[in-house]
Amino acid sequence: MTLSLILAFVWALAANVLAMVPSKDSHWTRAYFLIAVGIPLLGFVTWQNGPWIGMIVLVAGMSVLRWPLRYLARWIKARLGRDKAA
């Protein structure tokens, strides 16, 4: 197993542990931290293991960070909806 995959598994384990600990801000600061660490890690995984493994790790990360993705999708949809009306 490559170093990048080991780091991806550690990221996933840390994300799950962080999700179990109560938070006053609904875990948003933790989500920002996980995104900031996860994006370069995803590039590293893709570089070392190829695009298919990178896509698998991307889907795994998206399943962990599903609420920020939902808010991002709503924001993009609202932005595109406003641009079409104008």
N, C-alpha and C. Protein backbone atom coordinates (compact mmCIF):
# COMPACT_ATOMS: atom_id res chain seq x y z
N MET A 1 0.86 -1.18 0.00
CA MET A 1 0.00 0.00 0.00
C MET A 1 0.90 1.24 0.00
N THR A 2 0.53 2.20 -0.81
CA THR A 2 1.35 3.40 -0.94
C THR A 2 1.11 4.36 0.22
N LEU A 3 2.04 5.28 0.36
CA LEU A 3 1.95 6.29 1.42
C LEU A 3 0.68 7.12 1.27
N SER A 4 0.34 7.46 0.05
CA SER A 4 -0.84 8.30 -0.16
C SER A 4 -2.12 7.60 0.28
N LEU A 5 -2.23 6.32 0.04
CA LEU A 5 -3.43 5.59 0.49
C LEU A 5 -3.47 5.47 2.01
N ILE A 6 -2.32 5.28 2.62
CA ILE A 6 -2.28 5.24 4.08
C ILE A 6 -2.74 6.58 4.65
N LEU A 7 -2.26 7.68 4.06
CA LEU A 7 -2.68 9.00 4.52
C LEU A 7 -4.17 9.24 4.27
N ALA A 8 -4.70 8.71 3.17
CA ALA A 8 -6.14 8.84 2.89
C ALA A 8 -6.96 8.07 3.93
N PHE A 9 -6.50 6.90 4.32
CA PHE A 9 -7.20 6.14 5.36
C PHE A 9 -7.12 6.84 6.70
N VAL A 10 -5.99 7.44 7.01
CA VAL A 10 -5.87 8.22 8.25
C VAL A 10 -6.80 9.42 8.21
N TRP A 11 -6.90 10.08 7.05
CA TRP A 11 -7.83 11.21 6.89
C TRP A 11 -9.26 10.76 7.13
N ALA A 12 -9.65 9.62 6.56
CA ALA A 12 -11.01 9.11 6.74
C ALA A 12 -11.28 8.74 8.20
N LEU A 13 -10.30 8.14 8.85
CA LEU A 13 -10.45 7.80 10.26
C LEU A 13 -10.58 9.06 11.11
N ALA A 14 -9.74 10.05 10.84
CA ALA A 14 -9.82 11.32 11.58
C ALA A 14 -11.15 12.03 11.33
N ALA A 15 -11.64 11.97 10.10
CA ALA A 15 -12.93 12.59 9.79
C ALA A 15 -14.06 11.94 10.58
N ASN A 16 -14.02 10.64 10.71
CA ASN A 16 -15.06 9.95 11.46
C ASN A 16 -14.97 10.22 12.95
N VAL A 17 -13.77 10.30 13.47
CA VAL A 17 -13.60 10.63 14.90
C VAL A 17 -14.06 12.06 15.16
N LEU A 18 -13.68 12.99 14.28
CA LEU A 18 -14.10 14.38 14.45
C LEU A 18 -15.62 14.53 14.35
N ALA A 19 -16.26 13.68 13.56
CA ALA A 19 -17.72 13.76 13.44
C ALA A 19 -18.43 13.27 14.70
N MET A 20 -17.78 12.42 15.47
CA MET A 20 -18.39 11.89 16.69
C MET A 20 -18.32 12.85 17.86
N VAL A 21 -17.39 13.78 17.83
CA VAL A 21 -17.19 14.72 18.93
C VAL A 21 -18.16 15.89 18.77
N PRO A 22 -18.88 16.25 19.83
CA PRO A 22 -19.84 17.36 19.72
C PRO A 22 -19.14 18.68 19.34
N SER A 23 -19.91 19.55 18.67
CA SER A 23 -19.36 20.81 18.20
C SER A 23 -20.40 21.91 18.34
N LYS A 24 -19.95 23.12 18.65
CA LYS A 24 -20.86 24.26 18.79
C LYS A 24 -21.25 24.86 17.45
N ASP A 25 -20.39 24.70 16.44
CA ASP A 25 -20.66 25.33 15.14
C ASP A 25 -21.11 24.33 14.08
N SER A 26 -21.72 23.24 14.50
CA SER A 26 -22.22 22.20 13.60
C SER A 26 -21.11 21.61 12.72
N HIS A 27 -19.92 21.52 13.25
CA HIS A 27 -18.77 20.87 12.61
C HIS A 27 -18.22 21.61 11.39
N TRP A 28 -18.57 22.87 11.20
CA TRP A 28 -18.12 23.58 10.00
C TRP A 28 -16.61 23.84 10.01
N THR A 29 -16.03 24.21 11.16
CA THR A 29 -14.58 24.45 11.18
C THR A 29 -13.83 23.15 10.90
N ARG A 30 -14.35 22.05 11.39
CA ARG A 30 -13.72 20.76 11.11
C ARG A 30 -13.85 20.41 9.64
N ALA A 31 -14.99 20.73 9.06
CA ALA A 31 -15.19 20.45 7.63
C ALA A 31 -14.21 21.28 6.79
N TYR A 32 -14.03 22.55 7.15
CA TYR A 32 -13.06 23.38 6.42
C TYR A 32 -11.65 22.81 6.53
N PHE A 33 -11.28 22.35 7.72
CA PHE A 33 -9.97 21.74 7.92
C PHE A 33 -9.83 20.47 7.07
N LEU A 34 -10.85 19.62 7.09
CA LEU A 34 -10.79 18.38 6.32
C LEU A 34 -10.72 18.64 4.83
N ILE A 35 -11.42 19.66 4.36
CA ILE A 35 -11.36 20.02 2.94
C ILE A 35 -9.96 20.53 2.59
N ALA A 36 -9.41 21.39 3.44
CA ALA A 36 -8.08 21.96 3.18
C ALA A 36 -7.00 20.89 3.16
N VAL A 37 -7.13 19.88 3.98
CA VAL A 37 -6.15 18.78 3.99
C VAL A 37 -6.47 17.77 2.90
N GLY A 38 -7.75 17.56 2.63
CA GLY A 38 -8.15 16.51 1.71
C GLY A 38 -7.89 16.79 0.25
N ILE A 39 -7.98 18.04 -0.17
CA ILE A 39 -7.77 18.35 -1.60
C ILE A 39 -6.34 18.04 -2.04
N PRO A 40 -5.30 18.50 -1.33
CA PRO A 40 -3.95 18.10 -1.75
C PRO A 40 -3.71 16.59 -1.60
N LEU A 41 -4.33 16.00 -0.59
CA LEU A 41 -4.19 14.56 -0.39
C LEU A 41 -4.81 13.79 -1.56
N LEU A 42 -5.94 14.27 -2.05
CA LEU A 42 -6.57 13.64 -3.21
C LEU A 42 -5.67 13.73 -4.44
N GLY A 43 -5.02 14.86 -4.63
CA GLY A 43 -4.06 14.99 -5.73
C GLY A 43 -2.90 14.03 -5.59
N PHE A 44 -2.42 13.87 -4.37
CA PHE A 44 -1.31 12.95 -4.10
C PHE A 44 -1.72 11.50 -4.37
N VAL A 45 -2.92 11.12 -3.95
CA VAL A 45 -3.43 9.77 -4.21
C VAL A 45 -3.55 9.53 -5.71
N THR A 46 -4.10 10.51 -6.42
CA THR A 46 -4.27 10.37 -7.87
C THR A 46 -2.91 10.29 -8.57
N TRP A 47 -1.96 11.07 -8.12
CA TRP A 47 -0.63 11.07 -8.73
C TRP A 47 0.07 9.73 -8.51
N GLN A 48 -0.04 9.16 -7.31
CA GLN A 48 0.66 7.91 -7.01
C GLN A 48 -0.06 6.67 -7.52
N ASN A 49 -1.40 6.69 -7.54
CA ASN A 49 -2.15 5.46 -7.80
C ASN A 49 -3.00 5.48 -9.06
N GLY A 50 -3.08 6.62 -9.72
CA GLY A 50 -3.84 6.70 -10.95
C GLY A 50 -5.22 7.29 -10.75
N PRO A 51 -5.88 7.61 -11.86
CA PRO A 51 -7.16 8.32 -11.77
C PRO A 51 -8.30 7.48 -11.21
N TRP A 52 -8.31 6.18 -11.42
CA TRP A 52 -9.42 5.36 -10.92
C TRP A 52 -9.41 5.28 -9.41
N ILE A 53 -8.26 5.07 -8.83
CA ILE A 53 -8.15 5.05 -7.37
C ILE A 53 -8.43 6.44 -6.82
N GLY A 54 -7.98 7.47 -7.53
CA GLY A 54 -8.28 8.84 -7.14
C GLY A 54 -9.78 9.11 -7.12
N MET A 55 -10.49 8.58 -8.11
CA MET A 55 -11.95 8.76 -8.13
C MET A 55 -12.62 8.03 -6.97
N ILE A 56 -12.12 6.86 -6.62
CA ILE A 56 -12.67 6.12 -5.49
C ILE A 56 -12.47 6.90 -4.19
N VAL A 57 -11.27 7.46 -4.02
CA VAL A 57 -11.00 8.26 -2.83
C VAL A 57 -11.83 9.54 -2.84
N LEU A 58 -12.04 10.13 -4.01
CA LEU A 58 -12.90 11.31 -4.12
C LEU A 58 -14.32 11.00 -3.68
N VAL A 59 -14.87 9.91 -4.14
CA VAL A 59 -16.24 9.52 -3.75
C VAL A 59 -16.31 9.24 -2.25
N ALA A 60 -15.28 8.61 -1.70
CA ALA A 60 -15.26 8.36 -0.26
C ALA A 60 -15.22 9.68 0.52
N GLY A 61 -14.43 10.62 0.06
CA GLY A 61 -14.37 11.93 0.71
C GLY A 61 -15.67 12.70 0.57
N MET A 62 -16.32 12.56 -0.57
CA MET A 62 -17.61 13.23 -0.78
C MET A 62 -18.67 12.64 0.14
N SER A 63 -18.60 11.35 0.42
CA SER A 63 -19.58 10.76 1.32
C SER A 63 -19.37 11.22 2.76
N VAL A 64 -18.13 11.50 3.12
CA VAL A 64 -17.85 12.01 4.46
C VAL A 64 -18.29 13.47 4.58
N LEU A 65 -18.04 14.26 3.56
CA LEU A 65 -18.34 15.70 3.58
C LEU A 65 -19.61 16.00 2.78
N ARG A 66 -20.65 15.22 2.97
CA ARG A 66 -21.85 15.39 2.15
C ARG A 66 -22.60 16.68 2.44
N TRP A 67 -22.63 17.17 3.68
CA TRP A 67 -23.37 18.41 3.97
C TRP A 67 -22.72 19.64 3.35
N PRO A 68 -21.42 19.81 3.42
CA PRO A 68 -20.83 20.94 2.68
C PRO A 68 -21.08 20.84 1.18
N LEU A 69 -21.11 19.63 0.64
CA LEU A 69 -21.40 19.47 -0.78
C LEU A 69 -22.84 19.84 -1.11
N ARG A 70 -23.75 19.51 -0.22
CA ARG A 70 -25.15 19.89 -0.45
C ARG A 70 -25.32 21.40 -0.43
N TYR A 71 -24.67 22.07 0.52
CA TYR A 71 -24.74 23.52 0.57
C TYR A 71 -24.08 24.15 -0.66
N LEU A 72 -22.99 23.58 -1.11
CA LEU A 72 -22.33 24.08 -2.33
C LEU A 72 -23.24 23.90 -3.54
N ALA A 73 -23.90 22.76 -3.64
CA ALA A 73 -24.81 22.53 -4.77
C ALA A 73 -25.98 23.51 -4.73
N ARG A 74 -26.52 23.78 -3.55
CA ARG A 74 -27.61 24.76 -3.43
C ARG A 74 -27.14 26.16 -3.82
N TRP A 75 -25.92 26.51 -3.41
CA TRP A 75 -25.38 27.82 -3.72
C TRP A 75 -25.18 27.97 -5.23
N ILE A 76 -24.63 26.94 -5.87
CA ILE A 76 -24.42 26.99 -7.32
C ILE A 76 -25.75 27.05 -8.05
N LYS A 77 -26.71 26.26 -7.59
CA LYS A 77 -28.03 26.26 -8.23
C LYS A 77 -28.69 27.64 -8.09
N ALA A 78 -28.56 28.27 -6.94
CA ALA A 78 -29.13 29.60 -6.76
C ALA A 78 -28.43 30.62 -7.64
N ARG A 79 -27.12 30.52 -7.77
CA ARG A 79 -26.37 31.43 -8.63
C ARG A 79 -26.74 31.27 -10.09
N LEU A 80 -26.88 30.03 -10.54
CA LEU A 80 -27.26 29.80 -11.93
C LEU A 80 -28.69 30.20 -12.19
N GLY A 81 -29.55 30.03 -11.19
CA GLY A 81 -30.94 30.44 -11.35
C GLY A 81 -31.07 31.93 -11.46
N ARG A 82 -30.28 32.68 -10.72
CA ARG A 82 -30.31 34.15 -10.79
C ARG A 82 -29.75 34.64 -12.11
N ASP A 83 -28.73 33.98 -12.62
CA ASP A 83 -28.13 34.43 -13.89
C ASP A 83 -29.08 34.21 -15.06
N LYS A 84 -29.87 33.16 -15.01
CA LYS A 84 -30.82 32.89 -16.09
C LYS A 84 -31.96 33.89 -16.09
N ALA A 85 -32.36 34.35 -14.90
CA ALA A 85 -33.48 35.29 -14.81
C ALA A 85 -33.07 36.68 -15.29
N ALA A 86 -31.81 37.01 -15.19
CA ALA A 86 -31.35 38.36 -15.55
C ALA A 86 -31.19 38.55 -17.03
